[in-house]
């Protein structure tokens, strides 16, 4: 699990703002909510970090939607690459980690 460095804002452009909505019905603002809610679990995405360091987060939106978000950090700014509902394995990890707190 990773610690999120100080982040000052999110970066949204037309490409990444709409992509998760079209693919997985996840709104851009739900992605931001996940980073503001506790608990938030962050892991390095080693498999997809060949060009730049990527991470994935397991978290919860304000509406209690469990989401997996793939993102990168550029100059203290989060750029969401994709977001979707957690799959069964991810929900299990999230609930196991949450039960430890």
C-alpha atoms as a PDB file:
ATOM      1  CA  UNK A   1       0.000   0.000   0.000  1.00  0.00           C
ATOM      2  CA  UNK A   2       1.247   3.491  -0.873  1.00  0.00           C
ATOM      3  CA  UNK A   3       0.967   6.876   0.811  1.00  0.00           C
ATOM      4  CA  UNK A   4      -0.449   9.627  -1.393  1.00  0.00           C
ATOM      5  CA  UNK A   5       1.910  12.613  -1.605  1.00  0.00           C
ATOM      6  CA  UNK A   6       0.570  16.139  -1.270  1.00  0.00           C
ATOM      7  CA  UNK A   7      -1.796  16.703  -4.173  1.00  0.00           C
ATOM      8  CA  UNK A   8      -2.928  20.150  -5.172  1.00  0.00           C
ATOM      9  CA  UNK A   9      -5.498  19.363  -7.846  1.00  0.00           C
ATOM     10  CA  UNK A  10      -6.910  16.979 -10.437  1.00  0.00           C
ATOM     11  CA  UNK A  11      -6.172  17.263 -14.144  1.00  0.00           C
ATOM     12  CA  UNK A  12      -9.117  16.669 -16.467  1.00  0.00           C
ATOM     13  CA  UNK A  13      -9.071  17.030 -20.212  1.00  0.00           C
ATOM     14  CA  UNK A  14     -11.769  16.031 -22.670  1.00  0.00           C
ATOM     15  CA  UNK A  15     -10.139  12.648 -23.212  1.00  0.00           C
ATOM     16  CA  UNK A  16      -9.918  11.462 -19.632  1.00  0.00           C
ATOM     17  CA  UNK A  17     -13.004  13.274 -18.325  1.00  0.00           C
ATOM     18  CA  UNK A  18     -15.425  11.303 -20.512  1.00  0.00           C
ATOM     19  CA  UNK A  19     -13.593   7.989 -20.948  1.00  0.00           C
ATOM     20  CA  UNK A  20     -14.669   6.359 -17.674  1.00  0.00           C
ATOM     21  CA  UNK A  21     -18.227   7.637 -18.102  1.00  0.00           C
ATOM     22  CA  UNK A  22     -18.500   6.062 -21.545  1.00  0.00           C
ATOM     23  CA  UNK A  23     -16.773   2.805 -20.609  1.00  0.00           C
ATOM     24  CA  UNK A  24     -17.933   2.193 -17.037  1.00  0.00           C
ATOM     25  CA  UNK A  25     -20.571   4.829 -16.204  1.00  0.00           C
ATOM     26  CA  UNK A  26     -18.268   6.525 -13.657  1.00  0.00           C
ATOM     27  CA  UNK A  27     -18.501  10.323 -13.473  1.00  0.00           C
ATOM     28  CA  UNK A  28     -15.340  12.447 -13.106  1.00  0.00           C
ATOM     29  CA  UNK A  29     -16.592  13.861  -9.810  1.00  0.00           C
ATOM     30  CA  UNK A  30     -17.030  10.357  -8.377  1.00  0.00           C
ATOM     31  CA  UNK A  31     -13.337   9.783  -9.047  1.00  0.00           C
ATOM     32  CA  UNK A  32     -12.431  12.903  -7.095  1.00  0.00           C
ATOM     33  CA  UNK A  33     -14.685  11.866  -4.216  1.00  0.00           C
ATOM     34  CA  UNK A  34     -12.794   8.592  -3.832  1.00  0.00           C
ATOM     35  CA  UNK A  35      -9.576  10.489  -3.104  1.00  0.00           C
ATOM     36  CA  UNK A  36     -11.325  12.601  -0.469  1.00  0.00           C
ATOM     37  CA  UNK A  37     -12.963   9.709   1.407  1.00  0.00           C
ATOM     38  CA  UNK A  38     -11.531   7.344   3.971  1.00  0.00           C
ATOM     39  CA  UNK A  39     -10.408   4.620   3.688  1.00  0.00           C
ATOM     40  CA  UNK A  40      -8.421   4.917   0.489  1.00  0.00           C
ATOM     41  CA  UNK A  41      -5.980   2.183  -0.489  1.00  0.00           C
ATOM     42  CA  UNK A  42      -3.248   2.925  -3.019  1.00  0.00           C
ATOM     43  CA  UNK A  43      -1.012   0.427  -4.778  1.00  0.00           C
ATOM     44  CA  UNK A  44       1.673   0.752  -7.461  1.00  0.00           C
ATOM     45  CA  UNK A  45       0.563  -0.454 -10.889  1.00  0.00           C
ATOM     46  CA  UNK A  46       3.889  -2.040 -11.761  1.00  0.00           C
ATOM     47  CA  UNK A  47       2.514  -3.892 -14.780  1.00  0.00           C
ATOM     48  CA  UNK A  48       1.500  -0.626 -16.539  1.00  0.00           C
ATOM     49  CA  UNK A  49       4.256   1.702 -15.331  1.00  0.00           C
ATOM     50  CA  UNK A  50       6.610   1.346 -18.282  1.00  0.00           C
ATOM     51  CA  UNK A  51       6.295   4.940 -19.593  1.00  0.00           C
ATOM     52  CA  UNK A  52       5.342   6.652 -16.334  1.00  0.00           C
ATOM     53  CA  UNK A  53       4.623   5.568 -12.781  1.00  0.00           C
ATOM     54  CA  UNK A  54       0.994   4.505 -12.393  1.00  0.00           C
ATOM     55  CA  UNK A  55      -1.065   3.608  -9.364  1.00  0.00           C
ATOM     56  CA  UNK A  56      -4.444   2.160  -8.634  1.00  0.00           C
ATOM     57  CA  UNK A  57      -6.736   3.105  -5.797  1.00  0.00           C
ATOM     58  CA  UNK A  58      -9.528   1.268  -4.053  1.00  0.00           C
ATOM     59  CA  UNK A  59     -12.005   3.635  -2.493  1.00  0.00           C
ATOM     60  CA  UNK A  60     -15.564   4.729  -1.951  1.00  0.00           C
ATOM     61  CA  UNK A  61     -17.552   7.583  -3.471  1.00  0.00           C
ATOM     62  CA  UNK A  62     -19.936   9.761  -1.450  1.00  0.00           C
ATOM     63  CA  UNK A  63     -22.727   7.476  -2.672  1.00  0.00           C
ATOM     64  CA  UNK A  64     -20.864   4.424  -1.262  1.00  0.00           C
ATOM     65  CA  UNK A  65     -19.939   3.177  -4.708  1.00  0.00           C
ATOM     66  CA  UNK A  66     -16.789   1.041  -4.495  1.00  0.00           C
ATOM     67  CA  UNK A  67     -14.443   2.115  -7.275  1.00  0.00           C
ATOM     68  CA  UNK A  68     -11.069   1.137  -8.661  1.00  0.00           C
ATOM     69  CA  UNK A  69      -9.211   4.081 -10.146  1.00  0.00           C
ATOM     70  CA  UNK A  70      -6.037   3.909 -12.203  1.00  0.00           C
ATOM     71  CA  UNK A  71      -4.106   7.163 -12.132  1.00  0.00           C
ATOM     72  CA  UNK A  72      -0.766   8.881 -12.408  1.00  0.00           C
ATOM     73  CA  UNK A  73       0.663  11.863 -10.569  1.00  0.00           C
ATOM     74  CA  UNK A  74       2.190  14.697 -12.569  1.00  0.00           C
ATOM     75  CA  UNK A  75       3.620  17.676 -10.702  1.00  0.00           C
ATOM     76  CA  UNK A  76       1.378  17.168  -7.633  1.00  0.00           C
ATOM     77  CA  UNK A  77      -1.685  16.701  -9.844  1.00  0.00           C
ATOM     78  CA  UNK A  78      -3.740  13.518 -10.144  1.00  0.00           C
ATOM     79  CA  UNK A  79      -4.620  12.478 -13.690  1.00  0.00           C
ATOM     80  CA  UNK A  80      -7.194   9.698 -13.738  1.00  0.00           C
ATOM     81  CA  UNK A  81      -6.556   7.175 -16.486  1.00  0.00           C
ATOM     82  CA  UNK A  82      -9.565   4.954 -15.863  1.00  0.00           C
ATOM     83  CA  UNK A  83     -12.221   4.262 -13.251  1.00  0.00           C
ATOM     84  CA  UNK A  84     -14.681   1.432 -12.803  1.00  0.00           C
ATOM     85  CA  UNK A  85     -16.618  -0.494 -10.185  1.00  0.00           C
ATOM     86  CA  UNK A  86     -14.442  -2.824  -8.123  1.00  0.00           C
ATOM     87  CA  UNK A  87     -14.522  -6.434  -9.186  1.00  0.00           C
ATOM     88  CA  UNK A  88     -15.139  -9.260  -6.698  1.00  0.00           C
ATOM     89  CA  UNK A  89     -11.445  -9.766  -5.890  1.00  0.00           C
ATOM     90  CA  UNK A  90     -10.879  -6.029  -5.366  1.00  0.00           C
ATOM     91  CA  UNK A  91     -13.937  -5.727  -3.081  1.00  0.00           C
ATOM     92  CA  UNK A  92     -12.585  -8.601  -0.995  1.00  0.00           C
ATOM     93  CA  UNK A  93      -9.214  -6.856  -0.594  1.00  0.00           C
ATOM     94  CA  UNK A  94     -10.935  -3.563   0.232  1.00  0.00           C
ATOM     95  CA  UNK A  95     -13.145  -5.131   2.902  1.00  0.00           C
ATOM     96  CA  UNK A  96     -10.243  -7.128   4.389  1.00  0.00           C
ATOM     97  CA  UNK A  97      -8.102  -3.982   4.669  1.00  0.00           C
ATOM     98  CA  UNK A  98     -10.998  -1.942   6.058  1.00  0.00           C
ATOM     99  CA  UNK A  99     -11.697  -4.536   8.766  1.00  0.00           C
ATOM    100  CA  UNK A 100      -8.151  -3.987  10.101  1.00  0.00           C
ATOM    101  CA  UNK A 101      -8.841  -0.368  11.046  1.00  0.00           C
END
